[in-house]
């Protein structure tokens, strides 16, 4: 049970980043398509279950294939850096507007990221087992506080086929880089543990997708904001959603830094450049802004992720001789 719990927390921690926690990802990939978004979210449960279980079960083979190709590694690093930049941007958005506070948190995050890149999955498990349960409870309170009746009047004429396309991109988006972490987590799990961890992770994520979709469709104007749930919340609820976004950012950030660091090791790069590429560079890139990164670069990263997953999981591996 403990191993299943840790695996679920790691999976959720890699997905619940700033885009998910703030509602921006749900707005871009689901809610803007109106009523049909509920159907796509129901499909997401099954898609997530299949993808997570595939990573748990076939992860070792995929990791071997990834490590054997520098091209695949570069694609993986590119996707990871885009997501890492959005995590940094999301963190900056919710921190108090105080230079010393921002610098202090940046230094703390840098130290923890360095530890994660060295310690790997065990360190991620310790962090996520503590942070994620608190985050989910706070997010439930935020969503319940913002509940309302759906309003589809401003979303007429949306293309359902486009909605399906974006739903598929979303499924891949969340696992195109976190798959490295999930694959490593599944190496020491039994088949039964993998099934249960995949089921519980998919169920929790799909429920939060559905609840967030309800909130966004009840207040369609919020979808234009960089962080819809932060925009809708004030007072104590505003503090809670900022904590949710912050904790979602850092848990996903840690997973992405680990993924990038692990992949960079294949290029025989020394430790200091690894820290710069996986941590400092995306922090600088995050200055483009959270909303811009999610709206424009996430779909691009999703397409790259689709291609990468197809190659890693659905093409035969060449035998080395």
C-alpha atoms as a PDB file:
ATOM      1  CA  UNK A   1       0.000   0.000   0.000  1.00  0.00           C
ATOM      2  CA  UNK A   2       2.847   2.393   0.850  1.00  0.00           C
ATOM      3  CA  UNK A   3       4.480   1.775  -2.527  1.00  0.00           C
ATOM      4  CA  UNK A   4       1.168   2.398  -4.338  1.00  0.00           C
ATOM      5  CA  UNK A   5       0.611   5.615  -2.382  1.00  0.00           C
ATOM      6  CA  UNK A   6       4.108   6.897  -3.205  1.00  0.00           C
ATOM      7  CA  UNK A   7       3.676   6.033  -6.884  1.00  0.00           C
ATOM      8  CA  UNK A   8       0.314   7.862  -7.023  1.00  0.00           C
ATOM      9  CA  UNK A   9       1.809  10.934  -5.352  1.00  0.00           C
ATOM     10  CA  UNK A  10       4.724  10.956  -7.804  1.00  0.00           C
ATOM     11  CA  UNK A  11       2.391  10.675 -10.812  1.00  0.00           C
ATOM     12  CA  UNK A  12       0.096  13.447  -9.556  1.00  0.00           C
ATOM     13  CA  UNK A  13       3.093  15.576  -8.635  1.00  0.00           C
ATOM     14  CA  UNK A  14       4.381  15.448 -12.201  1.00  0.00           C
ATOM     15  CA  UNK A  15       1.001  16.453 -13.676  1.00  0.00           C
ATOM     16  CA  UNK A  16      -0.464  18.972 -11.246  1.00  0.00           C
ATOM     17  CA  UNK A  17       1.895  21.809 -12.214  1.00  0.00           C
ATOM     18  CA  UNK A  18       0.972  25.452 -12.571  1.00  0.00           C
ATOM     19  CA  UNK A  19      -1.104  24.938 -15.725  1.00  0.00           C
ATOM     20  CA  UNK A  20      -3.256  22.243 -14.130  1.00  0.00           C
ATOM     21  CA  UNK A  21      -3.504  23.818 -10.665  1.00  0.00           C
ATOM     22  CA  UNK A  22      -4.318  27.322 -11.961  1.00  0.00           C
ATOM     23  CA  UNK A  23      -6.914  26.047 -14.446  1.00  0.00           C
ATOM     24  CA  UNK A  24      -5.101  27.447 -17.503  1.00  0.00           C
ATOM     25  CA  UNK A  25      -4.366  24.044 -19.058  1.00  0.00           C
ATOM     26  CA  UNK A  26      -7.983  22.941 -18.573  1.00  0.00           C
ATOM     27  CA  UNK A  27      -9.183  26.194 -20.190  1.00  0.00           C
ATOM     28  CA  UNK A  28      -6.890  25.817 -23.219  1.00  0.00           C
ATOM     29  CA  UNK A  29      -7.346  22.092 -23.825  1.00  0.00           C
ATOM     30  CA  UNK A  30     -10.935  21.445 -22.645  1.00  0.00           C
ATOM     31  CA  UNK A  31     -13.219  24.179 -21.314  1.00  0.00           C
ATOM     32  CA  UNK A  32     -13.088  26.504 -24.327  1.00  0.00           C
ATOM     33  CA  UNK A  33     -14.843  23.805 -26.371  1.00  0.00           C
ATOM     34  CA  UNK A  34     -17.986  24.088 -24.262  1.00  0.00           C
ATOM     35  CA  UNK A  35     -20.305  21.229 -23.281  1.00  0.00           C
ATOM     36  CA  UNK A  36     -18.398  18.603 -25.292  1.00  0.00           C
ATOM     37  CA  UNK A  37     -15.441  19.126 -22.948  1.00  0.00           C
ATOM     38  CA  UNK A  38     -17.173  16.899 -20.374  1.00  0.00           C
ATOM     39  CA  UNK A  39     -17.050  14.003 -22.817  1.00  0.00           C
ATOM     40  CA  UNK A  40     -13.379  14.569 -23.561  1.00  0.00           C
ATOM     41  CA  UNK A  41     -12.595  14.640 -19.840  1.00  0.00           C
ATOM     42  CA  UNK A  42     -14.369  11.293 -19.396  1.00  0.00           C
ATOM     43  CA  UNK A  43     -12.129   9.884 -22.133  1.00  0.00           C
ATOM     44  CA  UNK A  44      -9.137  11.360 -20.321  1.00  0.00           C
ATOM     45  CA  UNK A  45      -9.582   8.925 -17.433  1.00  0.00           C
ATOM     46  CA  UNK A  46      -9.135   5.931 -19.738  1.00  0.00           C
ATOM     47  CA  UNK A  47      -6.312   7.601 -21.667  1.00  0.00           C
ATOM     48  CA  UNK A  48      -4.446   8.470 -18.469  1.00  0.00           C
ATOM     49  CA  UNK A  49      -4.890   4.951 -17.110  1.00  0.00           C
ATOM     50  CA  UNK A  50      -3.489   3.418 -20.302  1.00  0.00           C
ATOM     51  CA  UNK A  51      -0.574   5.825 -20.547  1.00  0.00           C
ATOM     52  CA  UNK A  52       0.419   5.580 -16.871  1.00  0.00           C
ATOM     53  CA  UNK A  53       0.224   1.788 -16.880  1.00  0.00           C
ATOM     54  CA  UNK A  54       2.237   1.677 -20.112  1.00  0.00           C
ATOM     55  CA  UNK A  55       4.969   3.773 -18.505  1.00  0.00           C
ATOM     56  CA  UNK A  56       4.986   1.553 -15.414  1.00  0.00           C
ATOM     57  CA  UNK A  57       5.076  -1.657 -17.470  1.00  0.00           C
ATOM     58  CA  UNK A  58       7.121  -0.741 -20.545  1.00  0.00           C
ATOM     59  CA  UNK A  59       9.200   2.001 -19.004  1.00  0.00           C
ATOM     60  CA  UNK A  60      12.451   0.067 -18.794  1.00  0.00           C
ATOM     61  CA  UNK A  61      12.367  -0.711 -22.521  1.00  0.00           C
ATOM     62  CA  UNK A  62      11.507   2.914 -23.356  1.00  0.00           C
ATOM     63  CA  UNK A  63      14.288   4.248 -21.116  1.00  0.00           C
ATOM     64  CA  UNK A  64      16.800   1.996 -22.861  1.00  0.00           C
ATOM     65  CA  UNK A  65      15.626   3.252 -26.232  1.00  0.00           C
ATOM     66  CA  UNK A  66      15.773   6.865 -25.042  1.00  0.00           C
ATOM     67  CA  UNK A  67      19.325   6.449 -23.762  1.00  0.00           C
ATOM     68  CA  UNK A  68      20.449   4.903 -27.051  1.00  0.00           C
ATOM     69  CA  UNK A  69      19.534   7.943 -29.179  1.00  0.00           C
ATOM     70  CA  UNK A  70      20.877  11.478 -28.829  1.00  0.00           C
ATOM     71  CA  UNK A  71      18.071  12.768 -31.072  1.00  0.00           C
ATOM     72  CA  UNK A  72      15.378  11.346 -28.778  1.00  0.00           C
ATOM     73  CA  UNK A  73      17.242  12.772 -25.800  1.00  0.00           C
ATOM     74  CA  UNK A  74      17.359  16.259 -27.349  1.00  0.00           C
ATOM     75  CA  UNK A  75      13.602  16.153 -28.039  1.00  0.00           C
ATOM     76  CA  UNK A  76      12.964  15.038 -24.454  1.00  0.00           C
ATOM     77  CA  UNK A  77      15.156  17.841 -23.090  1.00  0.00           C
ATOM     78  CA  UNK A  78      13.409  20.435 -25.287  1.00  0.00           C
ATOM     79  CA  UNK A  79       9.967  19.429 -24.033  1.00  0.00           C
ATOM     80  CA  UNK A  80      11.176  19.293 -20.459  1.00  0.00           C
ATOM     81  CA  UNK A  81      12.718  22.774 -20.610  1.00  0.00           C
ATOM     82  CA  UNK A  82       9.469  24.280 -21.958  1.00  0.00           C
ATOM     83  CA  UNK A  83       7.521  22.808 -19.052  1.00  0.00           C
ATOM     84  CA  UNK A  84      10.204  23.769 -16.534  1.00  0.00           C
ATOM     85  CA  UNK A  85      10.046  27.387 -17.711  1.00  0.00           C
ATOM     86  CA  UNK A  86       6.269  27.416 -17.185  1.00  0.00           C
ATOM     87  CA  UNK A  87       6.721  26.034 -13.656  1.00  0.00           C
ATOM     88  CA  UNK A  88       9.143  28.836 -12.821  1.00  0.00           C
ATOM     89  CA  UNK A  89       6.772  31.395 -14.360  1.00  0.00           C
ATOM     90  CA  UNK A  90       3.860  30.007 -12.342  1.00  0.00           C
ATOM     91  CA  UNK A  91       5.893  30.200  -9.145  1.00  0.00           C
ATOM     92  CA  UNK A  92       6.831  33.825  -9.821  1.00  0.00           C
ATOM     93  CA  UNK A  93       3.161  34.720 -10.412  1.00  0.00           C
ATOM     94  CA  UNK A  94       1.997  33.525  -6.990  1.00  0.00           C
ATOM     95  CA  UNK A  95       4.899  34.683  -4.815  1.00  0.00           C
ATOM     96  CA  UNK A  96       4.568  38.003  -2.944  1.00  0.00           C
ATOM     97  CA  UNK A  97       5.765  40.977  -4.978  1.00  0.00           C
ATOM     98  CA  UNK A  98       8.910  41.366  -2.922  1.00  0.00           C
ATOM     99  CA  UNK A  99      12.378  41.066  -4.468  1.00  0.00           C
ATOM    100  CA  UNK A 100      13.991  39.568  -1.351  1.00  0.00           C
ATOM    101  CA  UNK A 101      11.226  36.967  -0.996  1.00  0.00           C
ATOM    102  CA  UNK A 102      11.584  35.962  -4.650  1.00  0.00           C
ATOM    103  CA  UNK A 103      15.380  35.693  -4.369  1.00  0.00           C
ATOM    104  CA  UNK A 104      15.089  33.693  -1.149  1.00  0.00           C
ATOM    105  CA  UNK A 105      12.639  31.199  -2.660  1.00  0.00           C
ATOM    106  CA  UNK A 106      14.759  30.969  -5.823  1.00  0.00           C
ATOM    107  CA  UNK A 107      17.812  29.977  -3.792  1.00  0.00           C
ATOM    108  CA  UNK A 108      15.842  27.399  -1.791  1.00  0.00           C
ATOM    109  CA  UNK A 109      14.362  25.906  -4.963  1.00  0.00           C
ATOM    110  CA  UNK A 110      17.798  25.777  -6.576  1.00  0.00           C
ATOM    111  CA  UNK A 111      19.221  23.809  -3.637  1.00  0.00           C
ATOM    112  CA  UNK A 112      16.280  21.360  -3.590  1.00  0.00           C
ATOM    113  CA  UNK A 113      16.436  20.924  -7.380  1.00  0.00           C
ATOM    114  CA  UNK A 114      20.127  20.059  -7.096  1.00  0.00           C
ATOM    115  CA  UNK A 115      19.308  17.461  -4.435  1.00  0.00           C
ATOM    116  CA  UNK A 116      16.557  15.947  -6.559  1.00  0.00           C
ATOM    117  CA  UNK A 117      18.823  15.682  -9.597  1.00  0.00           C
ATOM    118  CA  UNK A 118      21.276  13.676  -7.483  1.00  0.00           C
ATOM    119  CA  UNK A 119      18.945  11.565  -5.310  1.00  0.00           C
ATOM    120  CA  UNK A 120      16.268  10.875  -7.952  1.00  0.00           C
ATOM    121  CA  UNK A 121      12.986   9.049  -7.336  1.00  0.00           C
ATOM    122  CA  UNK A 122      13.451   8.427  -3.559  1.00  0.00           C
ATOM    123  CA  UNK A 123      13.811  12.165  -2.979  1.00  0.00           C
ATOM    124  CA  UNK A 124      10.788  12.891  -5.187  1.00  0.00           C
ATOM    125  CA  UNK A 125       8.717  10.385  -3.234  1.00  0.00           C
ATOM    126  CA  UNK A 126       9.567  12.006   0.111  1.00  0.00           C
ATOM    127  CA  UNK A 127       8.681  15.477  -1.148  1.00  0.00           C
ATOM    128  CA  UNK A 128       5.466  14.469  -2.935  1.00  0.00           C
ATOM    129  CA  UNK A 129       4.178  12.254  -0.117  1.00  0.00           C
ATOM    130  CA  UNK A 130       4.128  15.345   2.089  1.00  0.00           C
ATOM    131  CA  UNK A 131       3.173  18.126  -0.335  1.00  0.00           C
ATOM    132  CA  UNK A 132       0.578  16.540  -2.675  1.00  0.00           C
ATOM    133  CA  UNK A 133      -2.083  15.446  -0.104  1.00  0.00           C
ATOM    134  CA  UNK A 134      -2.161  18.963   1.374  1.00  0.00           C
ATOM    135  CA  UNK A 135      -2.327  20.464  -2.108  1.00  0.00           C
ATOM    136  CA  UNK A 136      -5.294  18.309  -3.153  1.00  0.00           C
ATOM    137  CA  UNK A 137      -7.279  19.189  -0.036  1.00  0.00           C
ATOM    138  CA  UNK A 138      -6.693  22.912  -0.619  1.00  0.00           C
ATOM    139  CA  UNK A 139      -7.677  22.593  -4.289  1.00  0.00           C
ATOM    140  CA  UNK A 140     -10.973  20.897  -3.381  1.00  0.00           C
ATOM    141  CA  UNK A 141     -11.821  23.817  -1.084  1.00  0.00           C
ATOM    142  CA  UNK A 142     -10.978  26.332  -3.836  1.00  0.00           C
ATOM    143  CA  UNK A 143     -13.094  24.558  -6.467  1.00  0.00           C
ATOM    144  CA  UNK A 144     -16.102  24.121  -4.177  1.00  0.00           C
ATOM    145  CA  UNK A 145     -15.929  27.819  -3.259  1.00  0.00           C
ATOM    146  CA  UNK A 146     -16.043  28.829  -6.945  1.00  0.00           C
ATOM    147  CA  UNK A 147     -18.755  26.414  -8.106  1.00  0.00           C
ATOM    148  CA  UNK A 148     -21.552  27.716 -10.354  1.00  0.00           C
ATOM    149  CA  UNK A 149     -23.907  26.758 -13.178  1.00  0.00           C
ATOM    150  CA  UNK A 150     -22.290  26.252 -16.627  1.00  0.00           C
ATOM    151  CA  UNK A 151     -22.660  29.095 -19.121  1.00  0.00           C
ATOM    152  CA  UNK A 152     -22.197  28.001 -22.741  1.00  0.00           C
ATOM    153  CA  UNK A 153     -23.548  31.152 -24.420  1.00  0.00           C
ATOM    154  CA  UNK A 154     -20.100  32.584 -25.178  1.00  0.00           C
ATOM    155  CA  UNK A 155     -18.755  29.257 -26.416  1.00  0.00           C
ATOM    156  CA  UNK A 156     -21.105  28.547 -29.298  1.00  0.00           C
ATOM    157  CA  UNK A 157     -19.729  27.245 -32.584  1.00  0.00           C
ATOM    158  CA  UNK A 158     -16.657  25.562 -31.152  1.00  0.00           C
ATOM    159  CA  UNK A 159     -15.292  22.713 -33.278  1.00  0.00           C
ATOM    160  CA  UNK A 160     -15.704  19.331 -31.552  1.00  0.00           C
ATOM    161  CA  UNK A 161     -13.037  17.748 -33.772  1.00  0.00           C
ATOM    162  CA  UNK A 162     -10.599  20.444 -32.712  1.00  0.00           C
ATOM    163  CA  UNK A 163     -11.585  19.684 -29.118  1.00  0.00           C
ATOM    164  CA  UNK A 164     -10.735  16.018 -29.580  1.00  0.00           C
ATOM    165  CA  UNK A 165      -7.392  16.970 -31.128  1.00  0.00           C
ATOM    166  CA  UNK A 166      -6.530  19.194 -28.161  1.00  0.00           C
ATOM    167  CA  UNK A 167      -7.675  16.499 -25.706  1.00  0.00           C
ATOM    168  CA  UNK A 168      -5.253  14.032 -27.284  1.00  0.00           C
ATOM    169  CA  UNK A 169      -2.497  16.640 -27.111  1.00  0.00           C
ATOM    170  CA  UNK A 170      -3.300  17.153 -23.444  1.00  0.00           C
ATOM    171  CA  UNK A 171      -3.006  13.439 -22.694  1.00  0.00           C
ATOM    172  CA  UNK A 172       0.453  13.361 -24.206  1.00  0.00           C
ATOM    173  CA  UNK A 173       1.433  16.772 -22.870  1.00  0.00           C
ATOM    174  CA  UNK A 174       1.391  15.594 -19.275  1.00  0.00           C
ATOM    175  CA  UNK A 175       3.465  12.479 -19.819  1.00  0.00           C
ATOM    176  CA  UNK A 176       5.905  13.310 -22.611  1.00  0.00           C
ATOM    177  CA  UNK A 177       8.572  14.154 -20.040  1.00  0.00           C
ATOM    178  CA  UNK A 178       7.181  12.906 -16.725  1.00  0.00           C
ATOM    179  CA  UNK A 179       7.272   9.451 -18.276  1.00  0.00           C
ATOM    180  CA  UNK A 180      10.949   9.190 -17.357  1.00  0.00           C
ATOM    181  CA  UNK A 181      10.099   9.606 -13.667  1.00  0.00           C
ATOM    182  CA  UNK A 182       7.051   7.315 -13.855  1.00  0.00           C
ATOM    183  CA  UNK A 183       9.032   4.642 -15.693  1.00  0.00           C
ATOM    184  CA  UNK A 184      11.733   4.651 -13.036  1.00  0.00           C
ATOM    185  CA  UNK A 185       9.082   4.485 -10.300  1.00  0.00           C
ATOM    186  CA  UNK A 186       7.536   1.369 -11.849  1.00  0.00           C
ATOM    187  CA  UNK A 187      10.793  -0.603 -12.005  1.00  0.00           C
ATOM    188  CA  UNK A 188      10.328  -1.963  -8.469  1.00  0.00           C
ATOM    189  CA  UNK A 189       6.529  -2.455  -8.507  1.00  0.00           C
ATOM    190  CA  UNK A 190       4.499  -5.618  -9.003  1.00  0.00           C
ATOM    191  CA  UNK A 191       1.869  -5.850 -11.755  1.00  0.00           C
ATOM    192  CA  UNK A 192      -0.949  -5.483  -9.223  1.00  0.00           C
ATOM    193  CA  UNK A 193       0.680  -2.389  -7.711  1.00  0.00           C
ATOM    194  CA  UNK A 194       1.065  -0.879 -11.183  1.00  0.00           C
ATOM    195  CA  UNK A 195      -2.629  -1.441 -11.985  1.00  0.00           C
ATOM    196  CA  UNK A 196      -3.833   0.116  -8.738  1.00  0.00           C
ATOM    197  CA  UNK A 197      -1.422   3.067  -8.924  1.00  0.00           C
ATOM    198  CA  UNK A 198      -2.516   3.734 -12.525  1.00  0.00           C
ATOM    199  CA  UNK A 199      -6.218   3.518 -11.615  1.00  0.00           C
ATOM    200  CA  UNK A 200      -6.059   5.754  -8.531  1.00  0.00           C
ATOM    201  CA  UNK A 201      -3.840   8.346 -10.242  1.00  0.00           C
ATOM    202  CA  UNK A 202      -6.138   8.532 -13.281  1.00  0.00           C
ATOM    203  CA  UNK A 203      -9.262   8.771 -11.119  1.00  0.00           C
ATOM    204  CA  UNK A 204      -7.937  11.601  -8.945  1.00  0.00           C
ATOM    205  CA  UNK A 205      -6.633  13.602 -11.904  1.00  0.00           C
ATOM    206  CA  UNK A 206      -9.858  13.143 -13.911  1.00  0.00           C
ATOM    207  CA  UNK A 207     -12.042  14.203 -10.972  1.00  0.00           C
ATOM    208  CA  UNK A 208     -10.040  17.403 -10.566  1.00  0.00           C
ATOM    209  CA  UNK A 209     -10.223  18.031 -14.300  1.00  0.00           C
ATOM    210  CA  UNK A 210     -14.004  17.665 -14.147  1.00  0.00           C
ATOM    211  CA  UNK A 211     -14.435  19.925 -11.115  1.00  0.00           C
ATOM    212  CA  UNK A 212     -12.193  22.612 -12.605  1.00  0.00           C
ATOM    213  CA  UNK A 213     -14.091  22.398 -15.885  1.00  0.00           C
ATOM    214  CA  UNK A 214     -17.366  23.029 -14.023  1.00  0.00           C
ATOM    215  CA  UNK A 215     -15.906  26.153 -12.428  1.00  0.00           C
ATOM    216  CA  UNK A 216     -14.436  27.548 -15.652  1.00  0.00           C
ATOM    217  CA  UNK A 217     -17.608  26.946 -17.677  1.00  0.00           C
ATOM    218  CA  UNK A 218     -19.653  28.752 -15.036  1.00  0.00           C
ATOM    219  CA  UNK A 219     -17.411  31.820 -15.509  1.00  0.00           C
ATOM    220  CA  UNK A 220     -16.183  31.708 -19.146  1.00  0.00           C
ATOM    221  CA  UNK A 221     -14.506  35.127 -18.984  1.00  0.00           C
ATOM    222  CA  UNK A 222     -11.947  33.734 -16.541  1.00  0.00           C
ATOM    223  CA  UNK A 223     -10.525  31.477 -19.257  1.00  0.00           C
ATOM    224  CA  UNK A 224      -8.834  34.477 -20.885  1.00  0.00           C
ATOM    225  CA  UNK A 225      -6.789  35.114 -17.751  1.00  0.00           C
ATOM    226  CA  UNK A 226      -3.261  33.787 -17.292  1.00  0.00           C
ATOM    227  CA  UNK A 227      -4.337  31.902 -14.151  1.00  0.00           C
ATOM    228  CA  UNK A 228      -8.145  31.533 -14.159  1.00  0.00           C
ATOM    229  CA  UNK A 229      -8.597  30.078 -10.658  1.00  0.00           C
ATOM    230  CA  UNK A 230      -6.290  32.687  -9.140  1.00  0.00           C
ATOM    231  CA  UNK A 231      -8.297  35.384 -10.954  1.00  0.00           C
ATOM    232  CA  UNK A 232     -11.581  34.030  -9.554  1.00  0.00           C
ATOM    233  CA  UNK A 233     -10.408  33.642  -5.953  1.00  0.00           C
ATOM    234  CA  UNK A 234      -9.980  36.265  -3.247  1.00  0.00           C
ATOM    235  CA  UNK A 235      -9.468  36.438   0.494  1.00  0.00           C
ATOM    236  CA  UNK A 236      -8.648  33.146   2.194  1.00  0.00           C
ATOM    237  CA  UNK A 237      -9.566  31.208  -0.971  1.00  0.00           C
ATOM    238  CA  UNK A 238      -7.146  33.398  -2.904  1.00  0.00           C
ATOM    239  CA  UNK A 239      -4.376  32.442  -0.492  1.00  0.00           C
ATOM    240  CA  UNK A 240      -5.247  28.753  -0.822  1.00  0.00           C
ATOM    241  CA  UNK A 241      -5.185  28.750  -4.639  1.00  0.00           C
ATOM    242  CA  UNK A 242      -1.848  30.534  -4.633  1.00  0.00           C
ATOM    243  CA  UNK A 243      -0.494  27.829  -2.348  1.00  0.00           C
ATOM    244  CA  UNK A 244      -1.961  25.162  -4.673  1.00  0.00           C
ATOM    245  CA  UNK A 245      -0.323  26.712  -7.736  1.00  0.00           C
ATOM    246  CA  UNK A 246       2.969  27.160  -5.913  1.00  0.00           C
ATOM    247  CA  UNK A 247       3.084  23.592  -4.597  1.00  0.00           C
ATOM    248  CA  UNK A 248       1.947  22.249  -7.983  1.00  0.00           C
ATOM    249  CA  UNK A 249       4.726  24.208  -9.632  1.00  0.00           C
ATOM    250  CA  UNK A 250       7.487  22.964  -7.375  1.00  0.00           C
ATOM    251  CA  UNK A 251       6.491  19.266  -7.403  1.00  0.00           C
ATOM    252  CA  UNK A 252       6.318  19.252 -11.194  1.00  0.00           C
ATOM    253  CA  UNK A 253       9.474  21.370 -11.337  1.00  0.00           C
ATOM    254  CA  UNK A 254      11.408  18.809  -9.319  1.00  0.00           C
ATOM    255  CA  UNK A 255      10.315  15.995 -11.647  1.00  0.00           C
ATOM    256  CA  UNK A 256      11.239  17.982 -14.747  1.00  0.00           C
ATOM    257  CA  UNK A 257      14.654  18.953 -13.415  1.00  0.00           C
ATOM    258  CA  UNK A 258      15.323  15.304 -12.623  1.00  0.00           C
ATOM    259  CA  UNK A 259      14.217  14.279 -16.135  1.00  0.00           C
ATOM    260  CA  UNK A 260      16.414  16.894 -17.803  1.00  0.00           C
ATOM    261  CA  UNK A 261      19.409  16.080 -15.609  1.00  0.00           C
ATOM    262  CA  UNK A 262      19.106  12.342 -16.231  1.00  0.00           C
ATOM    263  CA  UNK A 263      18.880  12.884 -19.985  1.00  0.00           C
ATOM    264  CA  UNK A 264      21.809  15.326 -20.067  1.00  0.00           C
ATOM    265  CA  UNK A 265      24.062  12.758 -18.413  1.00  0.00           C
ATOM    266  CA  UNK A 266      24.038  10.795 -21.676  1.00  0.00           C
ATOM    267  CA  UNK A 267      26.004  13.651 -23.282  1.00  0.00           C
ATOM    268  CA  UNK A 268      28.831  13.371 -20.723  1.00  0.00           C
ATOM    269  CA  UNK A 269      28.240  16.927 -19.513  1.00  0.00           C
ATOM    270  CA  UNK A 270      29.786  17.923 -16.185  1.00  0.00           C
ATOM    271  CA  UNK A 271      27.572  18.746 -13.209  1.00  0.00           C
ATOM    272  CA  UNK A 272      27.726  22.552 -13.310  1.00  0.00           C
ATOM    273  CA  UNK A 273      26.510  22.859 -16.940  1.00  0.00           C
ATOM    274  CA  UNK A 274      23.779  20.345 -16.087  1.00  0.00           C
ATOM    275  CA  UNK A 275      22.559  22.632 -13.299  1.00  0.00           C
ATOM    276  CA  UNK A 276      22.654  25.629 -15.641  1.00  0.00           C
ATOM    277  CA  UNK A 277      20.737  23.933 -18.468  1.00  0.00           C
ATOM    278  CA  UNK A 278      18.144  22.185 -16.304  1.00  0.00           C
ATOM    279  CA  UNK A 279      17.544  24.945 -13.722  1.00  0.00           C
ATOM    280  CA  UNK A 280      19.007  28.369 -14.559  1.00  0.00           C
ATOM    281  CA  UNK A 281      18.204  28.452 -18.292  1.00  0.00           C
ATOM    282  CA  UNK A 282      14.447  27.673 -17.942  1.00  0.00           C
ATOM    283  CA  UNK A 283      14.251  30.148 -15.043  1.00  0.00           C
ATOM    284  CA  UNK A 284      15.465  32.894 -17.411  1.00  0.00           C
ATOM    285  CA  UNK A 285      13.147  31.685 -20.190  1.00  0.00           C
ATOM    286  CA  UNK A 286      10.186  31.893 -17.787  1.00  0.00           C
ATOM    287  CA  UNK A 287      10.346  35.699 -18.063  1.00  0.00           C
ATOM    288  CA  UNK A 288       8.282  35.390 -21.271  1.00  0.00           C
ATOM    289  CA  UNK A 289       5.292  34.842 -18.970  1.00  0.00           C
ATOM    290  CA  UNK A 290       3.207  31.923 -17.816  1.00  0.00           C
ATOM    291  CA  UNK A 291       0.151  32.549 -20.008  1.00  0.00           C
ATOM    292  CA  UNK A 292       2.220  32.888 -23.187  1.00  0.00           C
ATOM    293  CA  UNK A 293       4.182  29.690 -22.529  1.00  0.00           C
ATOM    294  CA  UNK A 294       1.040  27.616 -21.839  1.00  0.00           C
ATOM    295  CA  UNK A 295      -0.993  29.048 -24.723  1.00  0.00           C
ATOM    296  CA  UNK A 296       1.666  28.883 -27.446  1.00  0.00           C
ATOM    297  CA  UNK A 297       4.472  26.505 -26.470  1.00  0.00           C
ATOM    298  CA  UNK A 298       2.466  23.768 -24.701  1.00  0.00           C
ATOM    299  CA  UNK A 299       0.692  22.665 -27.929  1.00  0.00           C
ATOM    300  CA  UNK A 300       4.076  22.632 -29.718  1.00  0.00           C
ATOM    301  CA  UNK A 301       5.593  20.570 -26.899  1.00  0.00           C
ATOM    302  CA  UNK A 302       2.584  18.238 -27.074  1.00  0.00           C
ATOM    303  CA  UNK A 303       3.176  17.490 -30.760  1.00  0.00           C
ATOM    304  CA  UNK A 304       6.822  16.700 -30.017  1.00  0.00           C
ATOM    305  CA  UNK A 305       5.633  14.540 -27.129  1.00  0.00           C
ATOM    306  CA  UNK A 306       3.291  12.546 -29.385  1.00  0.00           C
ATOM    307  CA  UNK A 307       6.122  11.764 -31.772  1.00  0.00           C
ATOM    308  CA  UNK A 308       8.466  10.850 -28.940  1.00  0.00           C
ATOM    309  CA  UNK A 309       5.986   8.507 -27.246  1.00  0.00           C
ATOM    310  CA  UNK A 310       5.160   6.740 -30.506  1.00  0.00           C
ATOM    311  CA  UNK A 311       8.833   6.103 -31.173  1.00  0.00           C
ATOM    312  CA  UNK A 312       9.645   4.990 -27.623  1.00  0.00           C
ATOM    313  CA  UNK A 313       6.651   2.708 -27.054  1.00  0.00           C
ATOM    314  CA  UNK A 314       5.321   1.593 -30.432  1.00  0.00           C
ATOM    315  CA  UNK A 315       8.376   1.029 -32.608  1.00  0.00           C
ATOM    316  CA  UNK A 316      10.733  -1.956 -32.337  1.00  0.00           C
ATOM    317  CA  UNK A 317      14.097  -1.442 -30.733  1.00  0.00           C
ATOM    318  CA  UNK A 318      17.142  -2.129 -32.844  1.00  0.00           C
ATOM    319  CA  UNK A 319      19.314  -4.889 -31.508  1.00  0.00           C
ATOM    320  CA  UNK A 320      22.873  -3.810 -30.813  1.00  0.00           C
ATOM    321  CA  UNK A 321      25.519  -6.081 -32.212  1.00  0.00           C
END
